[in-house]
């Protein structure tokens, strides 16, 4: 999951860099919006430990009792 978050943040950084490089105001606005969305996605991803703690009991139950 950490790699995925890094990819989201890298995409945001690319959008910011492209926004700074363009003189087209509309394109810059779109790129800044895209960067914000990439960062929002990165922030919404729960840390792996949290996901593990919430999913582990169900996994164990399925392993013990089947479905």
C-alpha atoms as a PDB file:
ATOM      1  CA  UNK A   1       0.000   0.000   0.000  1.00  0.00           C
ATOM      2  CA  UNK A   2       2.861   2.368   0.748  1.00  0.00           C
ATOM      3  CA  UNK A   3       3.981   2.126  -2.854  1.00  0.00           C
ATOM      4  CA  UNK A   4       0.521   3.071  -4.047  1.00  0.00           C
ATOM      5  CA  UNK A   5       0.463   6.138  -1.794  1.00  0.00           C
ATOM      6  CA  UNK A   6       3.872   7.120  -3.151  1.00  0.00           C
ATOM      7  CA  UNK A   7       2.490   6.780  -6.679  1.00  0.00           C
ATOM      8  CA  UNK A   8      -0.480   9.019  -5.811  1.00  0.00           C
ATOM      9  CA  UNK A   9       1.834  11.642  -4.331  1.00  0.00           C
ATOM     10  CA  UNK A  10       4.192  11.400  -7.310  1.00  0.00           C
ATOM     11  CA  UNK A  11       1.256  11.973  -9.674  1.00  0.00           C
ATOM     12  CA  UNK A  12       0.274  15.033  -7.626  1.00  0.00           C
ATOM     13  CA  UNK A  13       3.828  16.356  -7.819  1.00  0.00           C
ATOM     14  CA  UNK A  14       3.864  15.868 -11.595  1.00  0.00           C
ATOM     15  CA  UNK A  15       0.623  17.808 -11.904  1.00  0.00           C
ATOM     16  CA  UNK A  16       2.013  20.637  -9.761  1.00  0.00           C
ATOM     17  CA  UNK A  17       5.196  20.775 -11.811  1.00  0.00           C
ATOM     18  CA  UNK A  18       3.247  20.843 -15.056  1.00  0.00           C
ATOM     19  CA  UNK A  19       0.955  23.571 -13.689  1.00  0.00           C
ATOM     20  CA  UNK A  20       3.972  25.716 -12.851  1.00  0.00           C
ATOM     21  CA  UNK A  21       5.441  25.138 -16.303  1.00  0.00           C
ATOM     22  CA  UNK A  22       2.459  26.215 -18.356  1.00  0.00           C
ATOM     23  CA  UNK A  23       1.336  29.694 -19.258  1.00  0.00           C
ATOM     24  CA  UNK A  24      -2.172  28.466 -20.077  1.00  0.00           C
ATOM     25  CA  UNK A  25      -4.298  29.497 -17.099  1.00  0.00           C
ATOM     26  CA  UNK A  26      -7.052  26.985 -17.860  1.00  0.00           C
ATOM     27  CA  UNK A  27      -4.560  24.124 -18.134  1.00  0.00           C
ATOM     28  CA  UNK A  28      -2.845  25.202 -14.909  1.00  0.00           C
ATOM     29  CA  UNK A  29      -6.189  25.298 -13.105  1.00  0.00           C
ATOM     30  CA  UNK A  30      -7.028  21.802 -14.334  1.00  0.00           C
ATOM     31  CA  UNK A  31      -3.611  20.480 -13.331  1.00  0.00           C
ATOM     32  CA  UNK A  32      -3.897  21.993  -9.853  1.00  0.00           C
ATOM     33  CA  UNK A  33      -7.313  20.395  -9.469  1.00  0.00           C
ATOM     34  CA  UNK A  34      -5.864  17.051 -10.540  1.00  0.00           C
ATOM     35  CA  UNK A  35      -3.014  17.423  -8.030  1.00  0.00           C
ATOM     36  CA  UNK A  36      -5.521  18.098  -5.265  1.00  0.00           C
ATOM     37  CA  UNK A  37      -7.502  14.982  -6.205  1.00  0.00           C
ATOM     38  CA  UNK A  38      -4.350  12.815  -6.190  1.00  0.00           C
ATOM     39  CA  UNK A  39      -3.488  14.092  -2.712  1.00  0.00           C
ATOM     40  CA  UNK A  40      -7.045  13.481  -1.514  1.00  0.00           C
ATOM     41  CA  UNK A  41      -6.784   9.888  -2.718  1.00  0.00           C
ATOM     42  CA  UNK A  42      -3.495   9.464  -0.888  1.00  0.00           C
ATOM     43  CA  UNK A  43      -4.974  10.891   2.313  1.00  0.00           C
ATOM     44  CA  UNK A  44      -8.085   8.688   2.150  1.00  0.00           C
ATOM     45  CA  UNK A  45      -6.105   5.455   2.136  1.00  0.00           C
ATOM     46  CA  UNK A  46      -6.002   4.077   5.667  1.00  0.00           C
ATOM     47  CA  UNK A  47      -2.600   3.008   6.934  1.00  0.00           C
ATOM     48  CA  UNK A  48      -1.890  -0.663   6.305  1.00  0.00           C
ATOM     49  CA  UNK A  49      -1.882  -1.427  10.031  1.00  0.00           C
ATOM     50  CA  UNK A  50      -5.410  -0.042  10.398  1.00  0.00           C
ATOM     51  CA  UNK A  51      -6.653  -2.057   7.435  1.00  0.00           C
ATOM     52  CA  UNK A  52      -4.994  -5.186   8.772  1.00  0.00           C
ATOM     53  CA  UNK A  53      -6.588  -4.762  12.194  1.00  0.00           C
ATOM     54  CA  UNK A  54     -10.047  -4.348  10.696  1.00  0.00           C
ATOM     55  CA  UNK A  55      -9.753  -7.207   8.183  1.00  0.00           C
ATOM     56  CA  UNK A  56      -7.838  -9.766  10.239  1.00  0.00           C
ATOM     57  CA  UNK A  57     -10.764 -10.942  12.420  1.00  0.00           C
ATOM     58  CA  UNK A  58     -12.916 -11.653   9.368  1.00  0.00           C
ATOM     59  CA  UNK A  59     -10.052 -13.448   7.645  1.00  0.00           C
ATOM     60  CA  UNK A  60      -9.470 -15.602  10.715  1.00  0.00           C
ATOM     61  CA  UNK A  61     -13.175 -16.400  11.024  1.00  0.00           C
ATOM     62  CA  UNK A  62     -13.286 -17.533   7.401  1.00  0.00           C
ATOM     63  CA  UNK A  63     -10.195 -19.658   7.854  1.00  0.00           C
ATOM     64  CA  UNK A  64     -11.643 -21.356  10.919  1.00  0.00           C
ATOM     65  CA  UNK A  65     -15.272 -21.745   9.895  1.00  0.00           C
ATOM     66  CA  UNK A  66     -15.323 -21.346   6.129  1.00  0.00           C
ATOM     67  CA  UNK A  67     -18.013 -19.575   4.196  1.00  0.00           C
END
